[in-house]
């Protein structure tokens, strides 16, 4: 399930084109639940892309710098040792 929360979002449809209108203060939050597949791969010269997809074909892609991946890996290791989410 993909959940999008759009704030101050306005577009104009004209002659088959989509045009951004209004102020540049737009904000978007995307959440993907019930993920069925996730993978990490190289992205460009200096990044790692993580791609997650649910069973309905919704997909979220994130591009991280190596130091961000290392920080995330550390967070996951900490959760594995301390969180109930990893208990059997």
Protein backbone atom coordinates (compact mmCIF):
# COMPACT_ATOMS: atom_id res chain seq x y z
CA UNK A 1 0.00 0.00 0.00
CA UNK A 2 1.37 3.38 -1.03
CA UNK A 3 0.36 6.39 1.07
CA UNK A 4 1.07 9.88 -0.30
CA UNK A 5 0.50 13.03 1.73
CA UNK A 6 0.68 16.14 -0.47
CA UNK A 7 0.73 19.58 1.12
CA UNK A 8 0.12 22.87 -0.72
CA UNK A 9 0.04 20.94 -3.98
CA UNK A 10 -1.55 22.36 -7.09
CA UNK A 11 -1.04 21.52 -10.76
CA UNK A 12 -2.67 22.70 -13.96
CA UNK A 13 -3.66 20.37 -16.79
CA UNK A 14 -3.68 22.18 -20.13
CA UNK A 15 -3.55 20.69 -23.62
CA UNK A 16 -2.17 17.39 -22.37
CA UNK A 17 0.55 18.95 -20.21
CA UNK A 18 0.92 19.13 -16.46
CA UNK A 19 2.22 22.43 -15.10
CA UNK A 20 3.19 23.28 -11.54
CA UNK A 21 1.21 26.25 -10.24
CA UNK A 22 1.20 28.07 -6.93
CA UNK A 23 4.00 28.68 -4.45
CA UNK A 24 7.13 26.54 -4.17
CA UNK A 25 6.28 25.50 -0.61
CA UNK A 26 5.03 22.04 -1.55
CA UNK A 27 5.81 19.07 0.69
CA UNK A 28 5.29 15.36 0.08
CA UNK A 29 5.54 12.36 2.36
CA UNK A 30 5.51 8.89 0.81
CA UNK A 31 5.06 5.69 2.80
CA UNK A 32 5.12 2.16 1.42
CA UNK A 33 3.62 -0.63 3.50
CA UNK A 34 3.39 -4.41 3.00
CA UNK A 35 6.65 -4.55 1.09
CA UNK A 36 7.16 -7.78 -0.84
CA UNK A 37 10.63 -7.12 -2.24
CA UNK A 38 13.57 -4.90 -1.41
CA UNK A 39 17.01 -4.69 -2.99
CA UNK A 40 20.13 -2.53 -2.88
CA UNK A 41 22.34 -1.78 -5.87
CA UNK A 42 24.92 0.69 -7.11
CA UNK A 43 23.59 4.02 -8.34
CA UNK A 44 26.05 6.20 -10.22
CA UNK A 45 29.60 6.45 -8.97
CA UNK A 46 29.01 7.25 -5.30
CA UNK A 47 25.58 6.09 -4.23
CA UNK A 48 23.60 3.04 -3.25
CA UNK A 49 19.98 2.79 -4.38
CA UNK A 50 17.46 0.89 -2.26
CA UNK A 51 14.30 -0.14 -4.13
CA UNK A 52 11.23 -1.42 -2.28
CA UNK A 53 8.06 -2.71 -3.98
CA UNK A 54 4.72 -3.89 -2.66
CA UNK A 55 2.44 -6.53 -4.18
CA UNK A 56 0.42 -3.92 -6.06
CA UNK A 57 3.40 -2.70 -8.09
CA UNK A 58 3.97 0.47 -6.07
CA UNK A 59 7.66 1.26 -5.74
CA UNK A 60 9.80 3.60 -3.66
CA UNK A 61 13.45 4.28 -4.50
CA UNK A 62 15.99 5.85 -2.15
CA UNK A 63 19.53 6.89 -3.11
CA UNK A 64 22.06 7.00 -0.26
CA UNK A 65 25.67 8.10 0.02
CA UNK A 66 27.96 5.38 1.46
CA UNK A 67 28.19 7.05 4.88
CA UNK A 68 24.39 7.10 5.10
CA UNK A 69 24.26 3.37 4.30
CA UNK A 70 26.80 2.69 7.04
CA UNK A 71 24.77 4.72 9.53
CA UNK A 72 21.58 2.88 8.54
CA UNK A 73 23.34 -0.49 8.86
CA UNK A 74 24.43 0.50 12.37
CA UNK A 75 20.88 1.45 13.29
CA UNK A 76 19.63 -1.92 12.02
CA UNK A 77 22.30 -3.82 13.98
CA UNK A 78 21.27 -1.96 17.13
CA UNK A 79 17.62 -2.80 16.53
CA UNK A 80 18.49 -6.46 15.98
CA UNK A 81 20.09 -6.66 19.40
CA UNK A 82 17.68 -4.45 21.36
CA UNK A 83 14.26 -4.32 19.69
CA UNK A 84 11.27 -6.60 20.13
CA UNK A 85 10.72 -6.33 16.36
CA UNK A 86 13.42 -8.98 15.87
CA UNK A 87 12.23 -11.37 18.57
CA UNK A 88 10.90 -14.75 17.44
